[in-house]
Each structure stands twice: as structure tokens, then as C-alpha cells.
Protein backbone atom coordinates (compact mmCIF):
# COMPACT_ATOMS: atom_id res chain seq x y z
CA UNK A 1 -43.96 -29.35 -69.33
CA UNK A 2 -42.33 -28.06 -66.24
CA UNK A 3 -42.26 -29.98 -63.01
CA UNK A 4 -42.74 -28.07 -59.81
CA UNK A 5 -41.74 -30.95 -57.55
CA UNK A 6 -38.70 -30.23 -55.45
CA UNK A 7 -36.38 -33.24 -55.62
CA UNK A 8 -33.25 -33.44 -53.56
CA UNK A 9 -30.40 -35.84 -54.22
CA UNK A 10 -28.85 -35.59 -50.77
CA UNK A 11 -28.69 -38.14 -48.00
CA UNK A 12 -29.36 -37.07 -44.44
CA UNK A 13 -26.79 -39.07 -42.50
CA UNK A 14 -28.23 -38.16 -39.12
CA UNK A 15 -31.63 -39.51 -40.10
CA UNK A 16 -30.06 -42.68 -41.51
CA UNK A 17 -27.99 -43.21 -38.34
CA UNK A 18 -30.98 -42.82 -36.03
CA UNK A 19 -33.11 -45.15 -38.13
CA UNK A 20 -30.38 -47.79 -37.81
CA UNK A 21 -30.05 -47.23 -34.06
CA UNK A 22 -33.81 -47.64 -33.69
CA UNK A 23 -33.52 -51.16 -35.15
CA UNK A 24 -30.46 -52.27 -33.15
CA UNK A 25 -32.20 -55.37 -31.83
CA UNK A 26 -32.94 -56.65 -35.32
CA UNK A 27 -29.37 -55.92 -36.47
CA UNK A 28 -27.90 -57.71 -33.45
CA UNK A 29 -30.19 -60.70 -34.03
CA UNK A 30 -29.15 -60.97 -37.69
CA UNK A 31 -25.45 -60.73 -36.83
CA UNK A 32 -25.79 -63.37 -34.11
CA UNK A 33 -27.76 -65.69 -36.39
CA UNK A 34 -25.15 -65.30 -39.13
CA UNK A 35 -22.32 -66.14 -36.75
CA UNK A 36 -24.15 -69.24 -35.48
CA UNK A 37 -24.85 -70.41 -39.04
CA UNK A 38 -21.22 -69.86 -40.04
CA UNK A 39 -19.94 -71.82 -37.04
CA UNK A 40 -22.35 -74.70 -37.72
CA UNK A 41 -21.26 -74.78 -41.35
CA UNK A 42 -17.59 -74.87 -40.41
CA UNK A 43 -18.14 -77.66 -37.87
CA UNK A 44 -20.16 -79.91 -40.21
CA UNK A 45 -18.30 -79.63 -43.51
CA UNK A 46 -15.24 -81.83 -43.96
CA UNK A 47 -11.84 -80.33 -44.57
CA UNK A 48 -11.13 -80.22 -48.31
CA UNK A 49 -7.39 -79.78 -48.22
CA UNK A 50 -4.67 -82.40 -48.11
CA UNK A 51 -0.91 -82.11 -47.86
CA UNK A 52 1.51 -84.62 -49.30
CA UNK A 53 5.25 -84.03 -49.25
CA UNK A 54 8.06 -86.05 -50.73
CA UNK A 55 11.65 -85.24 -49.86
CA UNK A 56 14.28 -86.69 -52.16
CA UNK A 57 17.89 -86.71 -51.03
């Protein structure tokens, strides 16, 4: 049982880079949406820390 299929385990970085550049609008939209969601989360959640200090002389 010999396979004649030629399989390559390499990654073409140039092809990967250009496929990402082709979808720059979608990437920018996702980044912008993530930033907006993070800012809304930070503005709406209450602070969960408290500081209490006692100085004894």
C-alpha cells in the first residue's frame, strides 16, 4: 500500500500574509468591536476592590 500523494508540511508565509491583508476590513472590524465591548464592560461593572488601612502608633 503505497501512497503517491505528495504531502508537504511547510507553511507558505507569503500566501498567509496576503490572505490576511485581503481581509483587513474584517480584522479591523473585529478589533474595533472588541475594544468597544471591553470599554463598555469596564464602564458598567462596579469596582471590586476596597482599601482599608489602620495605623497604630
